[in-house]
C-alpha atoms as a PDB file:
ATOM      1  CA  UNK A   1     139.280 123.139 -56.668  1.00  0.00           C
ATOM      2  CA  UNK A   2     135.255 121.668 -58.348  1.00  0.00           C
ATOM      3  CA  UNK A   3     133.012 119.891 -56.771  1.00  0.00           C
ATOM      4  CA  UNK A   4     134.349 116.277 -56.850  1.00  0.00           C
ATOM      5  CA  UNK A   5     132.089 113.667 -57.618  1.00  0.00           C
ATOM      6  CA  UNK A   6     132.732 110.202 -56.138  1.00  0.00           C
ATOM      7  CA  UNK A   7     132.180 107.750 -59.580  1.00  0.00           C
ATOM      8  CA  UNK A   8     132.622 104.699 -57.060  1.00  0.00           C
ATOM      9  CA  UNK A   9     130.148 102.002 -56.961  1.00  0.00           C
ATOM     10  CA  UNK A  10     127.672 101.910 -53.680  1.00  0.00           C
ATOM     11  CA  UNK A  11     127.795  98.727 -53.291  1.00  0.00           C
ATOM     12  CA  UNK A  12     130.980  97.042 -54.408  1.00  0.00           C
ATOM     13  CA  UNK A  13     130.605  95.404 -57.771  1.00  0.00           C
ATOM     14  CA  UNK A  14     127.591  97.439 -59.686  1.00  0.00           C
ATOM     15  CA  UNK A  15     126.671  94.366 -62.314  1.00  0.00           C
ATOM     16  CA  UNK A  16     124.269  93.037 -58.931  1.00  0.00           C
ATOM     17  CA  UNK A  17     122.448  95.759 -58.590  1.00  0.00           C
ATOM     18  CA  UNK A  18     121.991  95.991 -61.980  1.00  0.00           C
ATOM     19  CA  UNK A  19     120.838  92.515 -62.305  1.00  0.00           C
ATOM     20  CA  UNK A  20     118.590  92.725 -59.251  1.00  0.00           C
ATOM     21  CA  UNK A  21     116.936  95.352 -61.088  1.00  0.00           C
ATOM     22  CA  UNK A  22     116.691  94.062 -64.680  1.00  0.00           C
ATOM     23  CA  UNK A  23     115.153  90.686 -62.840  1.00  0.00           C
ATOM     24  CA  UNK A  24     112.038  93.339 -61.776  1.00  0.00           C
ATOM     25  CA  UNK A  25     111.433  94.860 -64.850  1.00  0.00           C
ATOM     26  CA  UNK A  26     111.407  91.097 -66.377  1.00  0.00           C
ATOM     27  CA  UNK A  27     109.201  90.046 -63.342  1.00  0.00           C
ATOM     28  CA  UNK A  28     106.780  93.123 -64.256  1.00  0.00           C
ATOM     29  CA  UNK A  29     106.894  92.725 -67.659  1.00  0.00           C
ATOM     30  CA  UNK A  30     105.795  88.837 -67.287  1.00  0.00           C
ATOM     31  CA  UNK A  31     103.056  89.950 -64.510  1.00  0.00           C
ATOM     32  CA  UNK A  32     101.262  92.550 -67.400  1.00  0.00           C
ATOM     33  CA  UNK A  33     101.658  89.680 -70.483  1.00  0.00           C
ATOM     34  CA  UNK A  34     100.269  86.987 -68.493  1.00  0.00           C
ATOM     35  CA  UNK A  35      97.309  88.724 -66.625  1.00  0.00           C
ATOM     36  CA  UNK A  36      94.420  87.904 -69.419  1.00  0.00           C
ATOM     37  CA  UNK A  37      96.254  84.127 -69.255  1.00  0.00           C
ATOM     38  CA  UNK A  38      94.234  82.685 -66.240  1.00  0.00           C
ATOM     39  CA  UNK A  39      96.935  79.352 -66.534  1.00  0.00           C
ATOM     40  CA  UNK A  40      99.662  81.312 -66.814  1.00  0.00           C
ATOM     41  CA  UNK A  41      98.674  84.024 -63.858  1.00  0.00           C
ATOM     42  CA  UNK A  42     100.504  82.433 -61.191  1.00  0.00           C
ATOM     43  CA  UNK A  43     103.860  82.004 -63.267  1.00  0.00           C
ATOM     44  CA  UNK A  44     103.722  85.550 -64.108  1.00  0.00           C
ATOM     45  CA  UNK A  45     103.052  86.852 -60.094  1.00  0.00           C
ATOM     46  CA  UNK A  46     106.085  84.088 -59.372  1.00  0.00           C
ATOM     47  CA  UNK A  47     108.366  85.973 -61.265  1.00  0.00           C
ATOM     48  CA  UNK A  48     107.203  89.619 -60.186  1.00  0.00           C
ATOM     49  CA  UNK A  49     107.240  88.384 -56.856  1.00  0.00           C
ATOM     50  CA  UNK A  50     110.846  87.563 -57.117  1.00  0.00           C
ATOM     51  CA  UNK A  51     111.750  90.367 -59.073  1.00  0.00           C
ATOM     52  CA  UNK A  52     110.636  92.592 -56.224  1.00  0.00           C
ATOM     53  CA  UNK A  53     111.993  90.653 -53.637  1.00  0.00           C
ATOM     54  CA  UNK A  54     115.490  91.226 -55.281  1.00  0.00           C
ATOM     55  CA  UNK A  55     114.496  94.697 -55.463  1.00  0.00           C
ATOM     56  CA  UNK A  56     113.996  95.174 -52.078  1.00  0.00           C
ATOM     57  CA  UNK A  57     117.126  93.365 -51.148  1.00  0.00           C
ATOM     58  CA  UNK A  58     119.123  95.875 -53.188  1.00  0.00           C
ATOM     59  CA  UNK A  59     117.087  98.905 -51.508  1.00  0.00           C
ATOM     60  CA  UNK A  60     117.857  97.791 -48.214  1.00  0.00           C
ATOM     61  CA  UNK A  61     121.444  97.103 -48.957  1.00  0.00           C
ATOM     62  CA  UNK A  62     121.813 100.872 -50.484  1.00  0.00           C
ATOM     63  CA  UNK A  63     119.653 102.378 -47.520  1.00  0.00           C
ATOM     64  CA  UNK A  64     122.113 100.293 -44.772  1.00  0.00           C
ATOM     65  CA  UNK A  65     124.899 101.878 -46.575  1.00  0.00           C
ATOM     66  CA  UNK A  66     123.693 105.439 -46.419  1.00  0.00           C
ATOM     67  CA  UNK A  67     122.689 105.016 -43.183  1.00  0.00           C
ATOM     68  CA  UNK A  68     126.691 103.800 -42.128  1.00  0.00           C
ATOM     69  CA  UNK A  69     128.194 106.232 -44.505  1.00  0.00           C
ATOM     70  CA  UNK A  70     127.928 109.350 -46.126  1.00  0.00           C
ATOM     71  CA  UNK A  71     129.111 111.202 -49.150  1.00  0.00           C
ATOM     72  CA  UNK A  72     132.577 110.496 -49.710  1.00  0.00           C
ATOM     73  CA  UNK A  73     134.829 113.726 -50.499  1.00  0.00           C
ATOM     74  CA  UNK A  74     138.426 113.657 -52.143  1.00  0.00           C
ATOM     75  CA  UNK A  75     140.582 116.736 -51.447  1.00  0.00           C
ATOM     76  CA  UNK A  76     142.853 117.942 -53.930  1.00  0.00           C
ATOM     77  CA  UNK A  77     144.044 121.135 -55.516  1.00  0.00           C
ATOM     78  CA  UNK A  78     143.837 120.156 -58.928  1.00  0.00           C
ATOM     79  CA  UNK A  79     144.584 120.698 -62.193  1.00  0.00           C
ATOM     80  CA  UNK A  80     147.747 119.521 -61.256  1.00  0.00           C
ATOM     81  CA  UNK A  81     150.714 119.047 -64.286  1.00  0.00           C
ATOM     82  CA  UNK A  82     152.529 115.966 -64.987  1.00  0.00           C
ATOM     83  CA  UNK A  83     154.976 115.301 -62.610  1.00  0.00           C
ATOM     84  CA  UNK A  84     152.897 116.432 -59.868  1.00  0.00           C
ATOM     85  CA  UNK A  85     153.979 115.021 -56.646  1.00  0.00           C
ATOM     86  CA  UNK A  86     151.578 116.021 -53.244  1.00  0.00           C
ATOM     87  CA  UNK A  87     149.011 114.242 -51.042  1.00  0.00           C
ATOM     88  CA  UNK A  88     145.240 113.864 -51.320  1.00  0.00           C
ATOM     89  CA  UNK A  89     143.130 113.633 -48.477  1.00  0.00           C
ATOM     90  CA  UNK A  90     139.920 111.478 -48.843  1.00  0.00           C
ATOM     91  CA  UNK A  91     137.127 111.540 -46.370  1.00  0.00           C
ATOM     92  CA  UNK A  92     133.726 110.289 -45.686  1.00  0.00           C
ATOM     93  CA  UNK A  93     131.652 110.045 -42.696  1.00  0.00           C
ATOM     94  CA  UNK A  94     131.184 106.810 -40.175  1.00  0.00           C
ATOM     95  CA  UNK A  95     127.880 106.052 -38.354  1.00  0.00           C
ATOM     96  CA  UNK A  96     128.542 102.573 -36.421  1.00  0.00           C
ATOM     97  CA  UNK A  97     130.856 101.305 -39.069  1.00  0.00           C
ATOM     98  CA  UNK A  98     134.109 100.214 -39.246  1.00  0.00           C
ATOM     99  CA  UNK A  99     137.245 100.696 -41.427  1.00  0.00           C
ATOM    100  CA  UNK A 100     138.974  97.063 -41.925  1.00  0.00           C
ATOM    101  CA  UNK A 101     141.375  98.015 -44.725  1.00  0.00           C
ATOM    102  CA  UNK A 102     141.487 100.296 -47.788  1.00  0.00           C
ATOM    103  CA  UNK A 103     143.215  99.732 -50.946  1.00  0.00           C
ATOM    104  CA  UNK A 104     143.678 102.717 -52.996  1.00  0.00           C
ATOM    105  CA  UNK A 105     145.346 103.012 -56.776  1.00  0.00           C
ATOM    106  CA  UNK A 106     145.976 105.379 -59.464  1.00  0.00           C
ATOM    107  CA  UNK A 107     144.679 105.009 -62.702  1.00  0.00           C
ATOM    108  CA  UNK A 108     144.743 106.322 -66.111  1.00  0.00           C
ATOM    109  CA  UNK A 109     142.385 105.022 -68.468  1.00  0.00           C
ATOM    110  CA  UNK A 110     141.922 105.750 -72.237  1.00  0.00           C
ATOM    111  CA  UNK A 111     138.812 105.576 -74.303  1.00  0.00           C
ATOM    112  CA  UNK A 112     138.454 105.298 -77.821  1.00  0.00           C
ATOM    113  CA  UNK A 113     135.273 105.106 -79.828  1.00  0.00           C
ATOM    114  CA  UNK A 114     135.998 102.622 -83.096  1.00  0.00           C
ATOM    115  CA  UNK A 115     132.947 103.376 -85.956  1.00  0.00           C
ATOM    116  CA  UNK A 116     132.037 100.714 -88.332  1.00  0.00           C
ATOM    117  CA  UNK A 117     129.520 102.078 -90.664  1.00  0.00           C
ATOM    118  CA  UNK A 118     126.523 102.987 -88.100  1.00  0.00           C
ATOM    119  CA  UNK A 119     128.092 100.926 -85.278  1.00  0.00           C
ATOM    120  CA  UNK A 120     129.967 102.749 -82.710  1.00  0.00           C
ATOM    121  CA  UNK A 121     131.710 100.787 -79.899  1.00  0.00           C
ATOM    122  CA  UNK A 122     133.651 102.318 -76.909  1.00  0.00           C
ATOM    123  CA  UNK A 123     137.169 100.126 -76.225  1.00  0.00           C
ATOM    124  CA  UNK A 124     138.721 101.129 -73.034  1.00  0.00           C
ATOM    125  CA  UNK A 125     142.424 100.234 -71.558  1.00  0.00           C
ATOM    126  CA  UNK A 126     143.937 101.293 -67.940  1.00  0.00           C
ATOM    127  CA  UNK A 127     147.216 102.312 -69.518  1.00  0.00           C
ATOM    128  CA  UNK A 128     148.643 103.416 -65.646  1.00  0.00           C
ATOM    129  CA  UNK A 129     148.052 101.644 -62.982  1.00  0.00           C
ATOM    130  CA  UNK A 130     149.669 102.121 -59.203  1.00  0.00           C
ATOM    131  CA  UNK A 131     148.809 101.338 -56.095  1.00  0.00           C
ATOM    132  CA  UNK A 132     149.300 103.675 -53.385  1.00  0.00           C
ATOM    133  CA  UNK A 133     150.285 103.769 -50.111  1.00  0.00           C
ATOM    134  CA  UNK A 134     147.006 105.128 -47.649  1.00  0.00           C
ATOM    135  CA  UNK A 135     147.922 106.141 -44.039  1.00  0.00           C
ATOM    136  CA  UNK A 136     144.512 106.381 -41.883  1.00  0.00           C
ATOM    137  CA  UNK A 137     144.350 109.298 -39.557  1.00  0.00           C
ATOM    138  CA  UNK A 138     142.094 107.938 -36.329  1.00  0.00           C
ATOM    139  CA  UNK A 139     139.550 110.287 -36.051  1.00  0.00           C
ATOM    140  CA  UNK A 140     135.978 110.138 -34.681  1.00  0.00           C
ATOM    141  CA  UNK A 141     132.824 109.324 -36.407  1.00  0.00           C
ATOM    142  CA  UNK A 142     134.684 109.486 -39.991  1.00  0.00           C
ATOM    143  CA  UNK A 143     137.249 108.313 -42.075  1.00  0.00           C
ATOM    144  CA  UNK A 144     140.022 110.344 -42.967  1.00  0.00           C
ATOM    145  CA  UNK A 145     142.778 108.991 -45.338  1.00  0.00           C
ATOM    146  CA  UNK A 146     145.992 110.691 -46.487  1.00  0.00           C
ATOM    147  CA  UNK A 147     146.849 109.462 -49.932  1.00  0.00           C
ATOM    148  CA  UNK A 148     150.879 110.500 -51.694  1.00  0.00           C
ATOM    149  CA  UNK A 149     150.248 111.060 -55.328  1.00  0.00           C
ATOM    150  CA  UNK A 150     152.812 111.226 -58.118  1.00  0.00           C
ATOM    151  CA  UNK A 151     151.942 111.878 -61.518  1.00  0.00           C
ATOM    152  CA  UNK A 152     154.303 110.181 -63.684  1.00  0.00           C
ATOM    153  CA  UNK A 153     156.276 112.649 -66.236  1.00  0.00           C
ATOM    154  CA  UNK A 154     156.421 110.673 -68.683  1.00  0.00           C
ATOM    155  CA  UNK A 155     151.849 109.873 -68.526  1.00  0.00           C
ATOM    156  CA  UNK A 156     149.484 111.042 -70.918  1.00  0.00           C
ATOM    157  CA  UNK A 157     147.279 114.368 -69.514  1.00  0.00           C
ATOM    158  CA  UNK A 158     143.736 114.438 -69.056  1.00  0.00           C
ATOM    159  CA  UNK A 159     141.765 114.809 -72.660  1.00  0.00           C
ATOM    160  CA  UNK A 160     138.163 114.200 -73.567  1.00  0.00           C
ATOM    161  CA  UNK A 161     137.707 114.610 -77.798  1.00  0.00           C
ATOM    162  CA  UNK A 162     134.818 113.587 -79.663  1.00  0.00           C
ATOM    163  CA  UNK A 163     136.048 109.941 -80.106  1.00  0.00           C
ATOM    164  CA  UNK A 164     138.719 109.842 -77.599  1.00  0.00           C
ATOM    165  CA  UNK A 165     139.428 110.245 -74.246  1.00  0.00           C
ATOM    166  CA  UNK A 166     142.028 109.942 -71.381  1.00  0.00           C
ATOM    167  CA  UNK A 167     140.683 110.211 -67.905  1.00  0.00           C
ATOM    168  CA  UNK A 168     142.829 110.046 -64.616  1.00  0.00           C
ATOM    169  CA  UNK A 169     141.309 108.317 -61.230  1.00  0.00           C
ATOM    170  CA  UNK A 170     142.287 107.903 -57.790  1.00  0.00           C
ATOM    171  CA  UNK A 171     140.209 104.622 -56.872  1.00  0.00           C
ATOM    172  CA  UNK A 172     139.872 103.152 -53.386  1.00  0.00           C
ATOM    173  CA  UNK A 173     138.363 100.093 -52.297  1.00  0.00           C
ATOM    174  CA  UNK A 174     137.005  99.998 -48.921  1.00  0.00           C
ATOM    175  CA  UNK A 175     136.434  96.631 -46.286  1.00  0.00           C
ATOM    176  CA  UNK A 176     134.056  97.375 -43.535  1.00  0.00           C
ATOM    177  CA  UNK A 177     132.392  96.094 -40.821  1.00  0.00           C
ATOM    178  CA  UNK A 178     129.138  96.866 -39.756  1.00  0.00           C
ATOM    179  CA  UNK A 179     128.265  97.988 -43.630  1.00  0.00           C
ATOM    180  CA  UNK A 180     128.530  96.201 -46.526  1.00  0.00           C
ATOM    181  CA  UNK A 181     131.686  96.916 -48.299  1.00  0.00           C
ATOM    182  CA  UNK A 182     131.862 100.212 -50.723  1.00  0.00           C
ATOM    183  CA  UNK A 183     134.382 101.613 -52.750  1.00  0.00           C
ATOM    184  CA  UNK A 184     134.787 105.645 -54.503  1.00  0.00           C
ATOM    185  CA  UNK A 185     136.639 106.613 -57.584  1.00  0.00           C
ATOM    186  CA  UNK A 186     137.503 110.626 -58.136  1.00  0.00           C
ATOM    187  CA  UNK A 187     138.566 112.028 -61.137  1.00  0.00           C
ATOM    188  CA  UNK A 188     142.100 114.307 -61.494  1.00  0.00           C
ATOM    189  CA  UNK A 189     142.416 116.688 -64.374  1.00  0.00           C
ATOM    190  CA  UNK A 190     145.871 116.692 -65.142  1.00  0.00           C
ATOM    191  CA  UNK A 191     147.693 119.121 -67.406  1.00  0.00           C
ATOM    192  CA  UNK A 192     150.319 118.765 -70.250  1.00  0.00           C
ATOM    193  CA  UNK A 193     153.845 119.113 -68.234  1.00  0.00           C
ATOM    194  CA  UNK A 194     153.892 122.817 -70.290  1.00  0.00           C
ATOM    195  CA  UNK A 195     151.449 124.152 -67.932  1.00  0.00           C
ATOM    196  CA  UNK A 196     154.280 124.591 -65.124  1.00  0.00           C
ATOM    197  CA  UNK A 197     156.108 126.951 -67.518  1.00  0.00           C
END
């Protein structure tokens, strides 16, 4: 089993952090763009100040989350064949935070890149989505969750080509007390059914 990367957003919706950083960049550009004009300079300073406050808030949220929660890990012996049935175990350290609830899902996403002249556009569609029954094992200073996984025998295997890909993921959404809510997503490599022969 290779080291598995947690693809999940650090603080729920990643768009909020992206918006904060974008506004900071716009504020910085406004500051430098108005430095020579004494009339417009206060507006540039205000835009920069608002962006700086937003980036500071985003940074504090990330710091608070990383202090309360360590690095997540999903243990599952893969690659697995189509029709696989087994249990994955999710681990995450806790330091002063408490798990309120957890939602686990098994999803298969297909991505196709459509080319029209010089334009390339990626189209993504979730073709399989199943809510999994996760059971939390009581542990001190960490979360341990057992997740039963059943890959459908008629589903598509993992595939990664230039203009098309199929990806299986286990996604988890954690509602927390003592730190911001978070999420995790881990890729699973699924082999064609003939791999069992």
